[in-house]
Amino acid sequence: MKAYHDAAAHTFTDRPMNEALTTVSMTLVATDETDRTIGVLSATAPGTLIDMAMNNGFTAEKAMALSLFVAKIHGLAVAEQARGQGIAAALLKRTWQVHQQLGYRLLYGSYETDRDLAAFYTRAGAYDAIRAAVIRLIRSREIRSDSSAGPVYFVLYDVESEPRARELAAALHAALYGDLEPLARAVPEAS
C-alpha cells in the first residue's frame, strides 16, 4: 500500500491540481431493477486539505500524499421515490469499505445545517451506538465528563494517548457510516 501511495503522490503532482483530484475520486451509483439510477455518492481527495498543507509550507508532493489518506464525500443523493429504503446507508457503507481497503484513514462529509440529515443518521442506528459508547467512556473515566455526542458529531476530551485517540476516531467515524463493529471493539459494553 505504501508503494501505491508514494507512486500516486509523485504521479499526481505532475498534473494540474484539478486533474490530480479527479484521479483520486470515486463515484458509486445505485440502480433499481430497471437499471434506472436511484442513488449516487461522490467522494474525492479533499482540496481544502491540500490547499491548507501547501499554504503552510508543504511541497505539492507532500500535500498530495496527505490527501491519499483522507477522502471527502462531496455528494450523496437518493431519488425521492427511493428514499427510506437504506440506499444512502448502503452507499456510505460501501464507500467506507472501499476506502478502508485502499488504506485511507478518514472519510468525512458535511451538509448544510438547514437540511435535517440528523434523522438519517439516527435511523441508521449510529447515533444511539455513538452516544452509548461516549457514555461508557465517560463512566470509565477514560474521557472527561464534558465530552459529548450528537447525531452527526462527537467531542472527546482528554483521551490518554494519540494511538487511543486515533482508534476511537476511526471507530466513531465508521459508526457514522453504518459500520458499528469497530466501535464495539474499541468501546466494548461492560460484561
N, C-alpha and C. Protein backbone atom coordinates (compact mmCIF):
# COMPACT_ATOMS: atom_id res chain seq x y z
N MET A 1 0.82 -1.19 0.00
CA MET A 1 0.00 0.00 0.00
C MET A 1 0.87 1.26 0.00
N LYS A 2 1.97 1.24 0.77
CA LYS A 2 2.84 2.41 0.82
C LYS A 2 3.38 2.74 -0.57
N ALA A 3 3.75 1.71 -1.32
CA ALA A 3 4.28 1.93 -2.67
C ALA A 3 3.22 2.62 -3.54
N TYR A 4 1.97 2.18 -3.41
CA TYR A 4 0.89 2.80 -4.16
C TYR A 4 0.77 4.29 -3.83
N HIS A 5 0.75 4.61 -2.52
CA HIS A 5 0.60 6.00 -2.10
C HIS A 5 1.78 6.84 -2.57
N ASP A 6 3.00 6.32 -2.44
CA ASP A 6 4.19 7.07 -2.87
C ASP A 6 4.15 7.32 -4.37
N ALA A 7 3.86 6.28 -5.15
CA ALA A 7 3.82 6.42 -6.60
C ALA A 7 2.71 7.37 -7.03
N ALA A 8 1.55 7.25 -6.39
CA ALA A 8 0.43 8.11 -6.74
C ALA A 8 0.74 9.57 -6.43
N ALA A 9 1.33 9.83 -5.28
CA ALA A 9 1.65 11.21 -4.91
C ALA A 9 2.60 11.83 -5.92
N HIS A 10 3.59 11.07 -6.35
CA HIS A 10 4.55 11.58 -7.33
C HIS A 10 3.87 11.82 -8.67
N THR A 11 3.06 10.87 -9.08
CA THR A 11 2.38 10.98 -10.37
C THR A 11 1.42 12.16 -10.38
N PHE A 12 0.63 12.32 -9.33
CA PHE A 12 -0.39 13.37 -9.31
C PHE A 12 0.21 14.76 -9.36
N THR A 13 1.36 14.97 -8.77
CA THR A 13 1.91 16.32 -8.72
C THR A 13 2.48 16.77 -10.05
N ASP A 14 2.56 15.88 -11.03
CA ASP A 14 2.97 16.28 -12.36
C ASP A 14 1.80 16.80 -13.18
N ARG A 15 0.63 16.86 -12.57
CA ARG A 15 -0.59 17.30 -13.25
C ARG A 15 -1.16 18.52 -12.55
N PRO A 16 -2.02 19.28 -13.24
CA PRO A 16 -2.73 20.37 -12.55
C PRO A 16 -3.57 19.79 -11.41
N MET A 17 -3.78 20.58 -10.37
CA MET A 17 -4.47 20.09 -9.17
C MET A 17 -5.85 19.50 -9.50
N ASN A 18 -6.63 20.17 -10.38
CA ASN A 18 -7.97 19.64 -10.66
C ASN A 18 -7.90 18.28 -11.34
N GLU A 19 -6.90 18.04 -12.17
CA GLU A 19 -6.74 16.72 -12.78
C GLU A 19 -6.29 15.70 -11.75
N ALA A 20 -5.38 16.11 -10.87
CA ALA A 20 -4.89 15.20 -9.84
C ALA A 20 -6.03 14.75 -8.94
N LEU A 21 -6.91 15.67 -8.59
CA LEU A 21 -8.01 15.30 -7.70
C LEU A 21 -8.98 14.34 -8.35
N THR A 22 -9.21 14.46 -9.66
CA THR A 22 -10.15 13.55 -10.30
C THR A 22 -9.59 12.14 -10.38
N THR A 23 -8.28 11.99 -10.30
CA THR A 23 -7.72 10.64 -10.34
C THR A 23 -7.85 9.92 -9.01
N VAL A 24 -8.18 10.65 -7.95
CA VAL A 24 -8.39 10.01 -6.65
C VAL A 24 -9.84 10.20 -6.21
N SER A 25 -10.74 10.07 -7.16
CA SER A 25 -12.16 10.21 -6.85
C SER A 25 -12.87 8.89 -7.08
N MET A 26 -14.03 8.78 -6.46
CA MET A 26 -14.83 7.58 -6.62
C MET A 26 -16.29 8.00 -6.66
N THR A 27 -17.02 7.44 -7.59
CA THR A 27 -18.45 7.66 -7.68
C THR A 27 -19.14 6.31 -7.66
N LEU A 28 -20.08 6.14 -6.76
CA LEU A 28 -20.89 4.93 -6.70
C LEU A 28 -22.31 5.27 -7.14
N VAL A 29 -22.90 4.37 -7.89
CA VAL A 29 -24.25 4.58 -8.40
C VAL A 29 -25.11 3.38 -7.99
N ALA A 30 -26.27 3.66 -7.44
CA ALA A 30 -27.25 2.61 -7.11
C ALA A 30 -28.34 2.66 -8.18
N THR A 31 -28.72 1.49 -8.66
CA THR A 31 -29.78 1.42 -9.67
C THR A 31 -30.89 0.50 -9.18
N ASP A 32 -32.07 0.69 -9.76
CA ASP A 32 -33.19 -0.19 -9.42
C ASP A 32 -33.21 -1.37 -10.38
N GLU A 33 -34.24 -2.20 -10.28
CA GLU A 33 -34.31 -3.41 -11.10
C GLU A 33 -34.45 -3.11 -12.60
N THR A 34 -34.85 -1.88 -12.95
CA THR A 34 -34.93 -1.50 -14.37
C THR A 34 -33.69 -0.75 -14.82
N ASP A 35 -32.66 -0.74 -13.99
CA ASP A 35 -31.37 -0.11 -14.27
C ASP A 35 -31.43 1.42 -14.30
N ARG A 36 -32.45 1.99 -13.65
CA ARG A 36 -32.53 3.44 -13.51
C ARG A 36 -31.73 3.85 -12.28
N THR A 37 -31.02 4.95 -12.38
CA THR A 37 -30.24 5.46 -11.26
C THR A 37 -31.19 5.97 -10.18
N ILE A 38 -30.98 5.48 -8.95
CA ILE A 38 -31.82 5.91 -7.83
C ILE A 38 -30.98 6.50 -6.69
N GLY A 39 -29.65 6.38 -6.80
CA GLY A 39 -28.77 6.94 -5.78
C GLY A 39 -27.37 7.11 -6.33
N VAL A 40 -26.67 8.10 -5.79
CA VAL A 40 -25.29 8.34 -6.22
C VAL A 40 -24.51 8.96 -5.07
N LEU A 41 -23.25 8.58 -4.98
CA LEU A 41 -22.34 9.14 -3.97
C LEU A 41 -21.02 9.45 -4.66
N SER A 42 -20.46 10.61 -4.36
CA SER A 42 -19.18 11.01 -4.93
C SER A 42 -18.22 11.35 -3.80
N ALA A 43 -17.04 10.74 -3.83
CA ALA A 43 -16.00 11.02 -2.83
C ALA A 43 -14.70 11.34 -3.57
N THR A 44 -13.98 12.34 -3.08
CA THR A 44 -12.71 12.74 -3.70
C THR A 44 -11.71 13.11 -2.63
N ALA A 45 -10.49 13.38 -3.08
CA ALA A 45 -9.49 13.94 -2.18
C ALA A 45 -9.97 15.32 -1.75
N PRO A 46 -9.73 15.70 -0.52
CA PRO A 46 -10.21 17.00 -0.03
C PRO A 46 -9.30 18.14 -0.48
N GLY A 47 -9.78 18.92 -1.43
CA GLY A 47 -8.98 20.03 -1.96
C GLY A 47 -8.57 21.03 -0.90
N THR A 48 -9.44 21.28 0.08
CA THR A 48 -9.10 22.27 1.11
C THR A 48 -7.93 21.78 1.96
N LEU A 49 -7.86 20.47 2.21
CA LEU A 49 -6.73 19.92 2.96
C LEU A 49 -5.42 20.13 2.20
N ILE A 50 -5.46 19.88 0.90
CA ILE A 50 -4.27 20.05 0.06
C ILE A 50 -3.85 21.51 0.05
N ASP A 51 -4.81 22.41 -0.16
CA ASP A 51 -4.51 23.84 -0.16
C ASP A 51 -3.92 24.30 1.16
N MET A 52 -4.53 23.85 2.28
CA MET A 52 -4.02 24.23 3.60
C MET A 52 -2.58 23.75 3.79
N ALA A 53 -2.32 22.52 3.40
CA ALA A 53 -0.97 21.97 3.55
C ALA A 53 0.03 22.78 2.74
N MET A 54 -0.32 23.10 1.51
CA MET A 54 0.60 23.87 0.65
C MET A 54 0.78 25.30 1.18
N ASN A 55 -0.29 25.88 1.71
CA ASN A 55 -0.19 27.23 2.28
C ASN A 55 0.64 27.26 3.56
N ASN A 56 0.85 26.10 4.17
CA ASN A 56 1.65 26.02 5.39
C ASN A 56 3.02 25.42 5.14
N GLY A 57 3.48 25.49 3.89
CA GLY A 57 4.86 25.13 3.59
C GLY A 57 5.10 23.72 3.09
N PHE A 58 4.06 22.89 2.97
CA PHE A 58 4.26 21.55 2.44
C PHE A 58 4.51 21.64 0.94
N THR A 59 5.37 20.80 0.42
CA THR A 59 5.56 20.74 -1.02
C THR A 59 4.29 20.15 -1.63
N ALA A 60 4.12 20.34 -2.94
CA ALA A 60 2.94 19.79 -3.62
C ALA A 60 2.90 18.28 -3.45
N GLU A 61 4.04 17.62 -3.54
CA GLU A 61 4.10 16.16 -3.40
C GLU A 61 3.64 15.72 -2.02
N LYS A 62 4.12 16.40 -0.98
CA LYS A 62 3.72 16.02 0.38
C LYS A 62 2.25 16.34 0.63
N ALA A 63 1.76 17.44 0.09
CA ALA A 63 0.34 17.79 0.25
C ALA A 63 -0.55 16.74 -0.41
N MET A 64 -0.17 16.30 -1.60
CA MET A 64 -0.93 15.26 -2.28
C MET A 64 -0.85 13.94 -1.51
N ALA A 65 0.32 13.65 -0.96
CA ALA A 65 0.48 12.41 -0.19
C ALA A 65 -0.47 12.41 1.01
N LEU A 66 -0.61 13.57 1.67
CA LEU A 66 -1.56 13.66 2.78
C LEU A 66 -2.97 13.32 2.33
N SER A 67 -3.32 13.78 1.14
CA SER A 67 -4.69 13.58 0.67
C SER A 67 -4.96 12.12 0.32
N LEU A 68 -3.92 11.32 0.18
CA LEU A 68 -4.13 9.91 -0.16
C LEU A 68 -4.61 9.09 1.03
N PHE A 69 -4.71 9.71 2.19
CA PHE A 69 -5.18 9.00 3.37
C PHE A 69 -6.53 9.54 3.84
N VAL A 70 -7.02 10.59 3.17
CA VAL A 70 -8.26 11.26 3.57
C VAL A 70 -9.14 11.43 2.34
N ALA A 71 -10.42 11.14 2.47
CA ALA A 71 -11.37 11.36 1.38
C ALA A 71 -12.58 12.11 1.92
N LYS A 72 -13.17 12.92 1.07
CA LYS A 72 -14.35 13.69 1.46
C LYS A 72 -15.52 13.30 0.57
N ILE A 73 -16.65 13.08 1.21
CA ILE A 73 -17.88 12.83 0.46
C ILE A 73 -18.40 14.20 0.04
N HIS A 74 -18.42 14.42 -1.26
CA HIS A 74 -18.86 15.70 -1.80
C HIS A 74 -20.33 15.70 -2.18
N GLY A 75 -20.89 14.54 -2.38
CA GLY A 75 -22.28 14.49 -2.76
C GLY A 75 -22.89 13.13 -2.48
N LEU A 76 -24.09 13.14 -1.97
CA LEU A 76 -24.86 11.92 -1.73
C LEU A 76 -26.31 12.27 -2.01
N ALA A 77 -26.90 11.56 -2.96
CA ALA A 77 -28.28 11.85 -3.32
C ALA A 77 -29.02 10.55 -3.58
N VAL A 78 -30.27 10.54 -3.18
CA VAL A 78 -31.15 9.39 -3.44
C VAL A 78 -32.44 9.95 -4.02
N ALA A 79 -32.91 9.33 -5.09
CA ALA A 79 -34.16 9.76 -5.72
C ALA A 79 -35.29 9.73 -4.70
N GLU A 80 -36.16 10.70 -4.80
CA GLU A 80 -37.24 10.84 -3.80
C GLU A 80 -38.05 9.56 -3.64
N GLN A 81 -38.38 8.90 -4.74
CA GLN A 81 -39.20 7.69 -4.67
C GLN A 81 -38.45 6.51 -4.05
N ALA A 82 -37.13 6.61 -3.91
CA ALA A 82 -36.34 5.51 -3.37
C ALA A 82 -35.86 5.76 -1.93
N ARG A 83 -36.22 6.88 -1.36
CA ARG A 83 -35.77 7.21 -0.01
C ARG A 83 -36.42 6.31 1.03
N GLY A 84 -35.70 6.11 2.14
CA GLY A 84 -36.21 5.28 3.22
C GLY A 84 -36.00 3.79 3.01
N GLN A 85 -35.25 3.42 1.98
CA GLN A 85 -35.02 2.01 1.68
C GLN A 85 -33.59 1.56 2.01
N GLY A 86 -32.80 2.45 2.63
CA GLY A 86 -31.44 2.08 3.01
C GLY A 86 -30.40 2.29 1.92
N ILE A 87 -30.76 2.98 0.86
CA ILE A 87 -29.83 3.17 -0.25
C ILE A 87 -28.68 4.07 0.14
N ALA A 88 -28.96 5.19 0.79
CA ALA A 88 -27.89 6.10 1.23
C ALA A 88 -26.96 5.40 2.20
N ALA A 89 -27.52 4.66 3.14
CA ALA A 89 -26.69 3.94 4.11
C ALA A 89 -25.81 2.91 3.40
N ALA A 90 -26.37 2.22 2.41
CA ALA A 90 -25.58 1.22 1.67
C ALA A 90 -24.46 1.89 0.88
N LEU A 91 -24.74 3.03 0.26
CA LEU A 91 -23.70 3.75 -0.48
C LEU A 91 -22.59 4.22 0.46
N LEU A 92 -22.96 4.75 1.63
CA LEU A 92 -21.97 5.18 2.60
C LEU A 92 -21.13 4.02 3.10
N LYS A 93 -21.78 2.92 3.42
CA LYS A 93 -21.07 1.75 3.93
C LYS A 93 -20.09 1.22 2.89
N ARG A 94 -20.52 1.12 1.65
CA ARG A 94 -19.63 0.60 0.60
C ARG A 94 -18.46 1.55 0.35
N THR A 95 -18.72 2.84 0.39
CA THR A 95 -17.65 3.82 0.21
C THR A 95 -16.61 3.66 1.31
N TRP A 96 -17.07 3.51 2.54
CA TRP A 96 -16.14 3.32 3.67
C TRP A 96 -15.34 2.04 3.49
N GLN A 97 -15.98 0.96 3.06
CA GLN A 97 -15.29 -0.31 2.86
C GLN A 97 -14.19 -0.18 1.80
N VAL A 98 -14.51 0.43 0.68
CA VAL A 98 -13.52 0.59 -0.40
C VAL A 98 -12.35 1.45 0.07
N HIS A 99 -12.64 2.55 0.74
CA HIS A 99 -11.56 3.42 1.20
C HIS A 99 -10.70 2.75 2.26
N GLN A 100 -11.31 1.95 3.13
CA GLN A 100 -10.51 1.20 4.11
C GLN A 100 -9.58 0.23 3.40
N GLN A 101 -10.07 -0.46 2.39
CA GLN A 101 -9.25 -1.41 1.64
C GLN A 101 -8.09 -0.71 0.94
N LEU A 102 -8.27 0.54 0.57
CA LEU A 102 -7.22 1.30 -0.10
C LEU A 102 -6.25 1.97 0.89
N GLY A 103 -6.49 1.79 2.18
CA GLY A 103 -5.58 2.33 3.18
C GLY A 103 -5.90 3.72 3.67
N TYR A 104 -7.10 4.22 3.36
CA TYR A 104 -7.48 5.54 3.85
C TYR A 104 -7.75 5.48 5.34
N ARG A 105 -7.50 6.58 6.03
CA ARG A 105 -7.68 6.63 7.48
C ARG A 105 -8.90 7.46 7.88
N LEU A 106 -9.39 8.31 6.97
CA LEU A 106 -10.50 9.18 7.32
C LEU A 106 -11.37 9.42 6.09
N LEU A 107 -12.66 9.25 6.26
CA LEU A 107 -13.65 9.57 5.24
C LEU A 107 -14.65 10.48 5.94
N TYR A 108 -14.86 11.66 5.38
CA TYR A 108 -15.77 12.60 6.06
C TYR A 108 -16.63 13.32 5.05
N GLY A 109 -17.63 13.97 5.55
CA GLY A 109 -18.51 14.78 4.72
C GLY A 109 -19.11 15.88 5.56
N SER A 110 -19.84 16.73 4.93
CA SER A 110 -20.52 17.81 5.65
C SER A 110 -21.85 18.06 4.94
N TYR A 111 -22.73 18.73 5.61
CA TYR A 111 -24.00 19.07 4.99
C TYR A 111 -24.48 20.40 5.53
N GLU A 112 -25.39 21.00 4.80
CA GLU A 112 -25.94 22.29 5.19
C GLU A 112 -26.84 22.09 6.42
N THR A 113 -26.69 22.99 7.38
CA THR A 113 -27.42 22.82 8.64
C THR A 113 -28.93 22.94 8.48
N ASP A 114 -29.40 23.55 7.41
CA ASP A 114 -30.85 23.66 7.25
C ASP A 114 -31.47 22.38 6.69
N ARG A 115 -30.63 21.39 6.40
CA ARG A 115 -31.14 20.09 5.95
C ARG A 115 -31.14 19.16 7.14
N ASP A 116 -32.20 18.43 7.35
CA ASP A 116 -32.31 17.58 8.53
C ASP A 116 -31.75 16.19 8.27
N LEU A 117 -30.43 16.11 8.14
CA LEU A 117 -29.81 14.81 7.92
C LEU A 117 -29.55 14.08 9.23
N ALA A 118 -29.74 14.76 10.35
CA ALA A 118 -29.58 14.07 11.64
C ALA A 118 -30.57 12.91 11.71
N ALA A 119 -31.74 13.07 11.14
CA ALA A 119 -32.74 11.99 11.15
C ALA A 119 -32.22 10.77 10.40
N PHE A 120 -31.49 11.00 9.30
CA PHE A 120 -30.91 9.89 8.54
C PHE A 120 -29.92 9.12 9.41
N TYR A 121 -29.01 9.84 10.06
CA TYR A 121 -28.02 9.16 10.90
C TYR A 121 -28.68 8.46 12.08
N THR A 122 -29.72 9.05 12.62
CA THR A 122 -30.43 8.44 13.74
C THR A 122 -31.10 7.14 13.28
N ARG A 123 -31.74 7.17 12.11
CA ARG A 123 -32.37 5.96 11.57
C ARG A 123 -31.34 4.87 11.33
N ALA A 124 -30.14 5.25 10.91
CA ALA A 124 -29.10 4.27 10.61
C ALA A 124 -28.57 3.61 11.88
N GLY A 125 -28.97 4.09 13.06
CA GLY A 125 -28.55 3.49 14.32
C GLY A 125 -27.23 4.01 14.85
N ALA A 126 -26.60 4.88 14.10
CA ALA A 126 -25.29 5.37 14.50
C ALA A 126 -25.37 6.20 15.78
N TYR A 127 -26.34 7.07 15.85
CA TYR A 127 -26.40 7.98 17.00
C TYR A 127 -26.50 7.22 18.31
N ASP A 128 -27.38 6.25 18.40
CA ASP A 128 -27.54 5.50 19.65
C ASP A 128 -26.25 4.79 20.04
N ALA A 129 -25.60 4.17 19.06
CA ALA A 129 -24.35 3.45 19.35
C ALA A 129 -23.25 4.40 19.78
N ILE A 130 -23.12 5.54 19.09
CA ILE A 130 -22.08 6.51 19.44
C ILE A 130 -22.35 7.10 20.82
N ARG A 131 -23.59 7.48 21.07
CA ARG A 131 -23.94 8.07 22.37
C ARG A 131 -23.66 7.08 23.50
N ALA A 132 -24.03 5.82 23.32
CA ALA A 132 -23.78 4.80 24.34
C ALA A 132 -22.28 4.60 24.56
N ALA A 133 -21.50 4.62 23.49
CA ALA A 133 -20.05 4.45 23.62
C ALA A 133 -19.43 5.62 24.37
N VAL A 134 -19.86 6.84 24.05
CA VAL A 134 -19.33 8.01 24.75
C VAL A 134 -19.70 7.95 26.23
N ILE A 135 -20.90 7.54 26.55
CA ILE A 135 -21.31 7.41 27.96
C ILE A 135 -20.43 6.38 28.67
N ARG A 136 -20.15 5.25 28.00
CA ARG A 136 -19.27 4.23 28.62
C ARG A 136 -17.87 4.79 28.84
N LEU A 137 -17.36 5.57 27.90
CA LEU A 137 -16.03 6.17 28.06
C LEU A 137 -16.00 7.17 29.21
N ILE A 138 -17.08 7.93 29.37
CA ILE A 138 -17.16 8.89 30.48
C ILE A 138 -17.24 8.14 31.81
N ARG A 139 -18.09 7.14 31.88
CA ARG A 139 -18.27 6.38 33.13
C ARG A 139 -16.99 5.65 33.55
N SER A 140 -16.20 5.22 32.57
CA SER A 140 -14.94 4.55 32.89
C SER A 140 -13.82 5.56 33.15
N ARG A 141 -14.15 6.84 33.06
CA ARG A 141 -13.21 7.95 33.27
C ARG A 141 -12.07 7.97 32.25
N GLU A 142 -12.34 7.39 31.08
CA GLU A 142 -11.35 7.43 30.02
C GLU A 142 -11.34 8.78 29.32
N ILE A 143 -12.48 9.49 29.37
CA ILE A 143 -12.58 10.84 28.83
C ILE A 143 -13.30 11.71 29.85
N ARG A 144 -13.19 13.03 29.69
CA ARG A 144 -13.82 13.96 30.63
C ARG A 144 -15.34 13.91 30.52
N SER A 145 -15.98 14.30 31.60
CA SER A 145 -17.44 14.25 31.66
C SER A 145 -18.12 15.30 30.77
N ASP A 146 -17.38 16.31 30.30
CA ASP A 146 -17.99 17.28 29.40
C ASP A 146 -17.82 16.89 27.93
N SER A 147 -17.37 15.67 27.67
CA SER A 147 -17.35 15.15 26.30
C SER A 147 -18.78 14.93 25.86
N SER A 148 -19.03 14.90 24.55
CA SER A 148 -20.41 14.79 24.10
C SER A 148 -20.50 14.12 22.73
N ALA A 149 -21.73 13.76 22.38
CA ALA A 149 -22.02 13.17 21.07
C ALA A 149 -23.39 13.63 20.62
N GLY A 150 -23.48 13.98 19.36
CA GLY A 150 -24.75 14.33 18.74
C GLY A 150 -24.98 13.40 17.56
N PRO A 151 -26.04 13.60 16.82
CA PRO A 151 -26.33 12.71 15.70
C PRO A 151 -25.24 12.68 14.64
N VAL A 152 -24.51 13.77 14.46
CA VAL A 152 -23.50 13.81 13.39
C VAL A 152 -22.16 14.35 13.86
N TYR A 153 -21.90 14.34 15.16
CA TYR A 153 -20.62 14.82 15.68
C TYR A 153 -20.30 14.14 16.99
N PHE A 154 -19.07 14.26 17.41
CA PHE A 154 -18.66 13.81 18.74
C PHE A 154 -17.45 14.61 19.16
N VAL A 155 -17.35 14.88 20.47
CA VAL A 155 -16.24 15.62 21.05
C VAL A 155 -15.76 14.83 22.26
N LEU A 156 -14.50 14.40 22.22
CA LEU A 156 -13.92 13.62 23.32
C LEU A 156 -12.75 14.40 23.90
N TYR A 157 -12.81 14.69 25.18
CA TYR A 157 -11.75 15.45 25.83
C TYR A 157 -10.84 14.54 26.64
N ASP A 158 -9.55 14.83 26.59
CA ASP A 158 -8.53 14.17 27.41
C ASP A 158 -8.38 12.67 27.16
N VAL A 159 -8.39 12.29 25.89
CA VAL A 159 -8.08 10.89 25.56
C VAL A 159 -6.61 10.69 25.91
N GLU A 160 -6.29 9.55 26.52
CA GLU A 160 -4.98 9.34 27.14
C GLU A 160 -3.79 9.37 26.19
N SER A 161 -3.95 8.94 24.95
CA SER A 161 -2.80 8.89 24.05
C SER A 161 -3.25 9.09 22.61
N GLU A 162 -2.31 9.44 21.76
CA GLU A 162 -2.64 9.61 20.35
C GLU A 162 -3.11 8.31 19.70
N PRO A 163 -2.46 7.17 19.97
CA PRO A 163 -2.97 5.93 19.37
C PRO A 163 -4.41 5.62 19.79
N ARG A 164 -4.74 5.86 21.05
CA ARG A 164 -6.11 5.62 21.51
C ARG A 164 -7.07 6.61 20.86
N ALA A 165 -6.65 7.86 20.73
CA ALA A 165 -7.49 8.87 20.08
C ALA A 165 -7.76 8.49 18.63
N ARG A 166 -6.75 7.99 17.95
CA ARG A 166 -6.92 7.56 16.55
C ARG A 166 -7.87 6.36 16.47
N GLU A 167 -7.71 5.42 17.40
CA GLU A 167 -8.58 4.25 17.42
C GLU A 167 -10.03 4.67 17.61
N LEU A 168 -10.26 5.55 18.59
CA LEU A 168 -11.62 6.00 18.87
C LEU A 168 -12.19 6.80 17.70
N ALA A 169 -11.38 7.69 17.12
CA ALA A 169 -11.85 8.49 15.99
C ALA A 169 -12.24 7.60 14.82
N ALA A 170 -11.42 6.61 14.51
CA ALA A 170 -11.73 5.70 13.40
C ALA A 170 -13.01 4.91 13.69
N ALA A 171 -13.16 4.44 14.92
CA ALA A 171 -14.34 3.65 15.29
C ALA A 171 -15.60 4.50 15.25
N LEU A 172 -15.54 5.70 15.78
CA LEU A 172 -16.70 6.58 15.78
C LEU A 172 -17.05 6.99 14.35
N HIS A 173 -16.04 7.26 13.55
CA HIS A 173 -16.26 7.63 12.16
C HIS A 173 -16.93 6.49 11.40
N ALA A 174 -16.43 5.28 11.59
CA ALA A 174 -17.04 4.12 10.93
C ALA A 174 -18.51 3.99 11.34
N ALA A 175 -18.80 4.26 12.61
CA ALA A 175 -20.20 4.17 13.09
C ALA A 175 -21.09 5.17 12.37
N LEU A 176 -20.57 6.38 12.12
CA LEU A 176 -21.36 7.37 11.39
C LEU A 176 -21.74 6.87 10.01
N TYR A 177 -20.95 5.97 9.46
CA TYR A 177 -21.21 5.45 8.12
C TYR A 177 -21.80 4.05 8.15
N GLY A 178 -22.35 3.65 9.30
CA GLY A 178 -23.11 2.42 9.38
C GLY A 178 -22.35 1.18 9.80
N ASP A 179 -21.03 1.28 10.01
CA ASP A 179 -20.25 0.11 10.42
C ASP A 179 -20.00 0.21 11.92
N LEU A 180 -20.75 -0.55 12.71
CA LEU A 180 -20.68 -0.44 14.17
C LEU A 180 -19.66 -1.39 14.80
N GLU A 181 -19.09 -2.32 14.02
CA GLU A 181 -18.13 -3.29 14.58
C GLU A 181 -16.89 -2.63 15.18
N PRO A 182 -16.22 -1.70 14.50
CA PRO A 182 -15.03 -1.09 15.12
C PRO A 182 -15.34 -0.40 16.45
N LEU A 183 -16.52 0.19 16.56
CA LEU A 183 -16.92 0.85 17.80
C LEU A 183 -17.13 -0.17 18.91
N ALA A 184 -17.74 -1.30 18.58
CA ALA A 184 -17.95 -2.36 19.58
C ALA A 184 -16.62 -2.91 20.08
N ARG A 185 -15.61 -2.98 19.20
CA ARG A 185 -14.28 -3.45 19.62
C ARG A 185 -13.55 -2.38 20.45
N ALA A 186 -13.65 -1.12 20.03
CA ALA A 186 -12.91 -0.04 20.70
C ALA A 186 -13.51 0.31 22.05
N VAL A 187 -14.82 0.21 22.18
CA VAL A 187 -15.51 0.56 23.42
C VAL A 187 -16.52 -0.54 23.71
N PRO A 188 -16.05 -1.69 24.18
CA PRO A 188 -16.97 -2.81 24.41
C PRO A 188 -17.94 -2.51 25.55
N GLU A 189 -19.10 -3.13 25.45
CA GLU A 189 -20.09 -3.00 26.53
C GLU A 189 -19.59 -3.77 27.73
N ALA A 190 -19.91 -3.28 28.92
CA ALA A 190 -19.50 -3.96 30.16
C ALA A 190 -20.18 -5.32 30.22
N SER A 191 -19.41 -6.31 30.67
CA SER A 191 -19.99 -7.67 30.72
C SER A 191 -20.59 -7.99 32.05
